[in-house]
Amino acid sequence: MQLTHCSVLVLISGNGSNLQAIIDDSIHSNYKVCRVICNKADAYGLTRAAQAGIPSTVIDHRDYGSREDFDSALIDLIDQEQVDLIVLAGFMRILSPKFVKHYAGKVLNIHPSLLPAYTGTDTHQRVLDAGEKEHGVSVHFVTEELDGGPVIAQEKISVEKNDTADTLADKVHIKEHIIYPKVISWFAAGRIKMESNKAVMDHEPLPATGIEVHPN
């Protein structure tokens, strides 16, 4: 079922380049970013939100005694917004099981690797160290397993002989800014959902690596 006005809340921790791509796409798409929440007061992503006229809130994780207490504060604020979708865009916090269960099927994350390979951090250097010929980015539903939720879509890049971790990061960022808004628009159109811990698109279960997106 297509959402009439899909409201999206974005969680960030830093520069917010994916946030910017999402904001830019939302101008002519089927969703709207209603609020940005950040756990760092000096993150440039907050400036991006302000420039776009999007309200933002800082919830500093250092003000809370535990991950669960911080996530409870997040839940309280997000529930007030009554959003349709939560998007993690460079949000550098591991979410608690309580949070993930509360919003099951309504949280997306983007990860700089071709999942299920290379979960965690330092993916670009690890890909180089392993001598991989392909690298890329994955968008997936968030579950309790770190970077382990059902993959919706991936985009690949070739690893060249002269690539470094920095050049791979730059190439992956370009793909991120294309694939993330596209998947969000699919969600808004009612085309994707999570059922029985599987990603489903147009009523058909997707393979473990999702679908490969080729930008127009």
Protein backbone atom coordinates (compact mmCIF):
# COMPACT_ATOMS: atom_id res chain seq x y z
CA MET A 1 0.00 0.00 0.00
CA GLN A 2 1.44 3.35 -1.02
CA LEU A 3 1.77 5.90 1.77
CA THR A 4 0.01 9.16 0.93
CA HIS A 5 2.71 11.27 2.53
CA CYS A 6 5.58 9.10 3.74
CA SER A 7 7.22 10.88 6.67
CA VAL A 8 10.89 10.06 7.18
CA LEU A 9 13.01 10.70 10.26
CA VAL A 10 16.77 10.60 9.75
CA LEU A 11 19.33 9.72 12.45
CA ILE A 12 22.84 11.09 11.91
CA SER A 13 26.12 11.54 13.76
CA GLY A 14 28.33 13.52 11.39
CA ASN A 15 28.71 15.24 8.05
CA GLY A 16 25.36 14.14 6.66
CA SER A 17 26.22 13.63 2.98
CA ASN A 18 23.61 10.88 2.68
CA LEU A 19 21.15 13.11 4.51
CA GLN A 20 21.78 15.77 1.86
CA ALA A 21 21.17 13.28 -0.95
CA ILE A 22 17.91 12.23 0.71
CA ILE A 23 16.80 15.84 1.21
CA ASP A 24 17.61 16.73 -2.40
CA ASP A 25 15.70 13.71 -3.72
CA SER A 26 12.69 14.30 -1.45
CA ILE A 27 11.92 17.59 -3.21
CA HIS A 28 10.60 15.68 -6.22
CA SER A 29 9.87 12.27 -4.64
CA ASN A 30 7.10 10.59 -2.68
CA TYR A 31 8.47 11.11 0.83
CA LYS A 32 9.36 14.00 3.11
CA VAL A 33 12.05 14.33 5.78
CA CYS A 34 10.14 15.56 8.83
CA ARG A 35 12.95 15.67 11.40
CA VAL A 36 16.65 14.98 11.88
CA ILE A 37 18.00 13.64 15.17
CA CYS A 38 21.72 13.71 15.93
CA ASN A 39 23.78 12.51 18.88
CA LYS A 40 26.51 15.14 18.36
CA ALA A 41 25.82 18.86 18.67
CA ASP A 42 28.67 19.87 16.35
CA ALA A 43 27.72 17.58 13.43
CA TYR A 44 27.58 19.37 10.08
CA GLY A 45 24.50 17.38 9.17
CA LEU A 46 22.54 19.65 11.53
CA THR A 47 23.53 22.60 9.35
CA ARG A 48 22.28 20.74 6.29
CA ALA A 49 18.94 20.18 8.01
CA ALA A 50 18.67 23.84 9.03
CA GLN A 51 19.47 25.00 5.50
CA ALA A 52 16.64 22.82 4.21
CA GLY A 53 14.20 24.09 6.82
CA ILE A 54 13.97 20.69 8.52
CA PRO A 55 13.62 20.70 12.32
CA SER A 56 16.37 18.90 14.19
CA THR A 57 17.04 17.68 17.70
CA VAL A 58 20.30 16.81 19.46
CA ILE A 59 20.20 13.92 21.91
CA ASP A 60 23.73 13.49 23.25
CA HIS A 61 24.37 9.86 24.14
CA ARG A 62 26.91 11.01 26.74
CA ASP A 63 24.03 12.39 28.83
CA TYR A 64 22.70 8.88 29.43
CA GLY A 65 23.99 6.16 31.69
CA SER A 66 23.37 3.29 29.27
CA ARG A 67 22.62 2.51 25.65
CA GLU A 68 19.12 1.47 26.69
CA ASP A 69 18.46 4.81 28.42
CA PHE A 70 19.63 6.72 25.34
CA ASP A 71 17.47 4.59 23.06
CA SER A 72 14.47 5.12 25.34
CA ALA A 73 14.90 8.87 24.90
CA LEU A 74 15.10 8.35 21.13
CA ILE A 75 11.93 6.27 21.17
CA ASP A 76 10.05 8.90 23.16
CA LEU A 77 10.90 11.61 20.64
CA ILE A 78 10.36 9.49 17.53
CA ASP A 79 6.97 8.27 18.78
CA GLN A 80 5.86 11.88 19.15
CA GLU A 81 6.64 12.43 15.47
CA GLN A 82 4.56 9.40 14.36
CA VAL A 83 6.85 8.79 11.37
CA ASP A 84 6.47 6.11 8.73
CA LEU A 85 10.18 5.34 8.31
CA ILE A 86 13.44 5.79 10.24
CA VAL A 87 16.60 6.13 8.17
CA LEU A 88 20.09 5.71 9.62
CA ALA A 89 22.51 7.93 7.70
CA GLY A 90 25.93 7.74 9.29
CA PHE A 91 24.44 7.20 12.74
CA MET A 92 27.38 5.87 14.71
CA ARG A 93 25.48 4.18 17.51
CA ILE A 94 24.52 0.52 17.86
CA LEU A 95 20.80 0.41 18.53
CA SER A 96 19.47 -1.70 21.37
CA PRO A 97 17.15 -4.69 20.85
CA LYS A 98 14.37 -2.64 22.49
CA PHE A 99 14.65 0.06 19.81
CA VAL A 100 14.90 -2.39 16.92
CA LYS A 101 11.90 -4.41 18.07
CA HIS A 102 9.84 -1.27 18.67
CA TYR A 103 10.30 -0.17 15.04
CA ALA A 104 10.65 -3.56 13.34
CA GLY A 105 10.33 -3.23 9.58
CA LYS A 106 10.51 0.56 9.74
CA VAL A 107 14.27 1.17 10.03
CA LEU A 108 16.72 1.27 7.12
CA ASN A 109 20.51 1.42 7.19
CA ILE A 110 23.16 1.82 4.52
CA HIS A 111 26.44 -0.06 4.80
CA PRO A 112 29.63 0.38 2.72
CA SER A 113 30.10 -3.20 1.59
CA LEU A 114 28.35 -5.93 -0.36
CA LEU A 115 26.63 -7.59 2.57
CA PRO A 116 26.79 -10.14 4.04
CA ALA A 117 30.51 -9.63 3.42
CA TYR A 118 32.47 -7.13 5.50
CA THR A 119 30.11 -6.16 8.27
CA GLY A 120 31.42 -3.66 10.80
CA THR A 121 33.96 -0.90 10.21
CA ASP A 122 37.01 -0.22 8.00
CA THR A 123 35.35 -2.00 5.08
CA HIS A 124 37.33 -0.24 2.34
CA GLN A 125 40.75 -1.20 3.73
CA ARG A 126 39.60 -4.73 4.49
CA VAL A 127 38.39 -5.14 0.91
CA LEU A 128 41.79 -3.99 -0.37
CA ASP A 129 43.68 -6.26 2.04
CA ALA A 130 41.63 -9.24 0.86
CA GLY A 131 42.38 -8.50 -2.80
CA GLU A 132 38.72 -8.23 -3.76
CA LYS A 133 37.84 -7.23 -7.31
CA GLU A 134 34.40 -5.86 -6.39
CA HIS A 135 33.15 -3.66 -3.60
CA GLY A 136 30.01 -1.65 -3.08
CA VAL A 137 27.15 -0.57 -0.86
CA SER A 138 24.07 -2.25 0.61
CA VAL A 139 20.78 -0.91 1.95
CA HIS A 140 19.11 -3.20 4.46
CA PHE A 141 16.40 -3.39 7.08
CA VAL A 142 17.76 -3.07 10.61
CA THR A 143 17.48 -6.04 12.95
CA GLU A 144 19.21 -6.94 16.20
CA GLU A 145 22.13 -8.43 14.26
CA LEU A 146 24.71 -5.72 13.46
CA ASP A 147 24.65 -5.09 9.69
CA GLY A 148 22.78 -8.38 9.44
CA GLY A 149 19.24 -7.36 8.56
CA PRO A 150 17.63 -8.39 5.25
CA VAL A 151 19.35 -6.71 2.30
CA ILE A 152 17.06 -4.76 -0.01
CA ALA A 153 19.44 -3.47 -2.65
CA GLN A 154 23.12 -3.26 -3.56
CA GLU A 155 25.25 -1.33 -6.01
CA LYS A 156 28.69 -2.55 -7.04
CA ILE A 157 31.94 -0.84 -7.97
CA SER A 158 35.12 -2.30 -9.41
CA VAL A 159 38.27 -2.29 -7.32
CA GLU A 160 41.14 -0.99 -9.45
CA LYS A 161 44.85 -1.64 -8.93
CA ASN A 162 45.56 1.94 -7.89
CA ASP A 163 42.64 2.23 -5.48
CA THR A 164 43.18 3.20 -1.86
CA ALA A 165 40.77 3.13 1.05
CA ASP A 166 40.06 6.81 0.39
CA THR A 167 39.37 6.39 -3.33
CA LEU A 168 37.10 3.42 -2.63
CA ALA A 169 35.25 5.48 -0.04
CA ASP A 170 34.72 8.26 -2.59
CA LYS A 171 33.39 5.84 -5.21
CA VAL A 172 31.11 4.13 -2.70
CA HIS A 173 29.74 7.48 -1.50
CA ILE A 174 28.62 8.30 -5.04
CA LYS A 175 26.68 5.03 -5.15
CA GLU A 176 25.26 5.62 -1.67
CA HIS A 177 23.77 8.94 -2.71
CA ILE A 178 21.95 7.22 -5.58
CA ILE A 179 20.78 4.00 -3.99
CA TYR A 180 19.55 5.25 -0.60
CA PRO A 181 16.93 7.74 -1.88
CA LYS A 182 15.78 5.13 -4.41
CA VAL A 183 15.11 2.52 -1.72
CA ILE A 184 13.35 5.09 0.47
CA SER A 185 11.05 5.93 -2.43
CA TRP A 186 10.31 2.21 -2.88
CA PHE A 187 9.30 2.01 0.78
CA ALA A 188 7.11 5.09 0.42
CA ALA A 189 5.42 3.52 -2.60
CA GLY A 190 4.63 0.39 -0.58
CA ARG A 191 6.88 -1.75 -2.78
CA ILE A 192 9.21 -3.07 -0.07
CA LYS A 193 8.64 -4.43 3.42
CA MET A 194 10.11 -6.91 5.86
CA GLU A 195 8.27 -10.17 6.43
CA SER A 196 9.54 -13.07 8.57
CA ASN A 197 13.01 -11.47 8.60
CA LYS A 198 13.12 -11.33 4.79
CA ALA A 199 13.04 -8.35 2.46
CA VAL A 200 10.03 -8.51 0.15
CA MET A 201 9.61 -6.38 -2.97
CA ASP A 202 6.44 -6.28 -5.02
CA HIS A 203 5.19 -9.29 -3.00
CA GLU A 204 8.25 -11.40 -3.91
CA PRO A 205 10.98 -12.36 -1.40
CA LEU A 206 14.37 -10.96 -2.38
CA PRO A 207 17.59 -13.00 -2.47
CA ALA A 208 20.01 -12.70 0.44
CA THR A 209 21.95 -9.97 -1.37
CA GLY A 210 18.85 -8.04 -2.40
CA ILE A 211 18.62 -6.62 -5.90
CA GLU A 212 21.38 -4.82 -7.75
CA VAL A 213 20.44 -1.28 -8.61
CA HIS A 214 21.67 0.31 -11.81
CA PRO A 215 21.16 4.09 -11.80
CA ASN A 216 19.59 5.60 -14.88
